[in-house]
Amino acid sequence: MRKYEDHCVGCPRELCIGKACPYLDVAIDYCDTCGEIAEYSVNGEDFCKKCIDKYLCDMFGEMILSEKAKLLKIDIHKEL
């Protein structure tokens, strides 16, 4: 989830550029799962490192063996 925050650095009044300041409305993405700062976006959802790891592990765990092998570009053969 994206939020806009005021990250004012406290410039002296005579140097403040007001609404033109790049620190006034800073876009920050937060993890949709836990609320930490998000670093990744997947299918419109934002994730932090910990939550994207769990998400990907869960997705990989739901795949059947042949799908996992194809995704990893591994040629597997059943033992004879």
Protein backbone atom coordinates (compact mmCIF):
# COMPACT_ATOMS: atom_id res chain seq x y z
CA MET A 1 0.00 0.00 0.00
CA ARG A 2 1.38 3.38 -0.96
CA LYS A 3 1.25 6.28 1.49
CA TYR A 4 2.49 9.82 1.07
CA GLU A 5 4.42 11.18 4.02
CA ASP A 6 5.97 14.49 5.02
CA HIS A 7 9.71 13.93 5.39
CA CYS A 8 10.59 17.55 6.16
CA VAL A 9 14.28 17.96 6.99
CA GLY A 10 13.74 21.25 8.85
CA CYS A 11 15.30 23.75 6.48
CA PRO A 12 15.62 27.28 7.85
CA ARG A 13 12.48 29.26 7.09
CA GLU A 14 14.26 31.55 4.64
CA LEU A 15 15.44 28.51 2.59
CA CYS A 16 12.20 26.50 2.69
CA ILE A 17 10.64 26.13 -0.76
CA GLY A 18 7.25 25.00 0.58
CA LYS A 19 5.11 22.84 -1.70
CA ALA A 20 7.94 22.54 -4.26
CA CYS A 21 10.06 20.64 -1.73
CA PRO A 22 10.81 17.03 -2.76
CA TYR A 23 10.57 15.97 0.91
CA LEU A 24 7.00 17.22 1.35
CA ASP A 25 5.02 14.31 -0.15
CA VAL A 26 7.31 11.30 -0.32
CA ALA A 27 5.73 8.09 -1.66
CA ILE A 28 6.41 5.17 0.67
CA ASP A 29 5.23 1.62 -0.12
CA TYR A 30 4.25 -0.57 2.81
CA CYS A 31 3.83 -4.34 2.87
CA ASP A 32 0.17 -5.31 2.46
CA THR A 33 0.74 -8.27 4.79
CA CYS A 34 2.65 -6.90 7.78
CA GLY A 35 2.93 -3.13 7.30
CA GLU A 36 6.74 -2.96 7.11
CA ILE A 37 8.44 -0.99 4.31
CA ALA A 38 7.80 -2.82 1.03
CA GLU A 39 10.58 -3.60 -1.42
CA TYR A 40 8.67 -5.82 -3.85
CA SER A 41 5.43 -5.74 -5.80
CA VAL A 42 3.69 -8.84 -7.18
CA ASN A 43 0.36 -8.80 -8.98
CA GLY A 44 -0.55 -5.41 -7.50
CA GLU A 45 0.36 -6.37 -3.93
CA ASP A 46 3.33 -4.90 -2.04
CA PHE A 47 5.63 -7.06 0.10
CA CYS A 48 8.60 -6.66 2.42
CA LYS A 49 11.50 -9.12 2.05
CA LYS A 50 10.22 -11.48 4.77
CA CYS A 51 6.68 -11.63 3.39
CA ILE A 52 7.69 -12.01 -0.29
CA ASP A 53 9.89 -14.95 0.72
CA LYS A 54 6.94 -16.64 2.46
CA TYR A 55 4.62 -15.82 -0.46
CA LEU A 56 7.02 -17.32 -3.02
CA CYS A 57 7.67 -20.41 -0.87
CA ASP A 58 3.93 -20.94 -0.51
CA MET A 59 3.39 -20.54 -4.27
CA PHE A 60 6.28 -22.89 -5.08
CA GLY A 61 4.97 -25.41 -2.54
CA GLU A 62 1.60 -25.56 -4.32
CA MET A 63 3.21 -26.56 -7.62
CA ILE A 64 3.50 -30.16 -8.75
CA LEU A 65 6.95 -31.63 -9.37
CA SER A 66 6.89 -31.18 -13.16
CA GLU A 67 5.93 -27.49 -12.77
CA LYS A 68 8.79 -26.91 -10.34
CA ALA A 69 11.28 -28.60 -12.66
CA LYS A 70 10.05 -26.60 -15.66
CA LEU A 71 10.26 -23.34 -13.74
CA LEU A 72 13.82 -24.13 -12.65
CA LYS A 73 14.71 -25.40 -16.15
CA ILE A 74 15.66 -28.81 -14.79
CA ASP A 75 15.23 -31.92 -16.92
CA ILE A 76 14.04 -34.70 -14.61
CA HIS A 77 13.52 -38.34 -15.45
CA LYS A 78 11.89 -41.06 -13.41
CA GLU A 79 14.36 -43.79 -12.43
CA LEU A 80 13.83 -47.02 -14.31
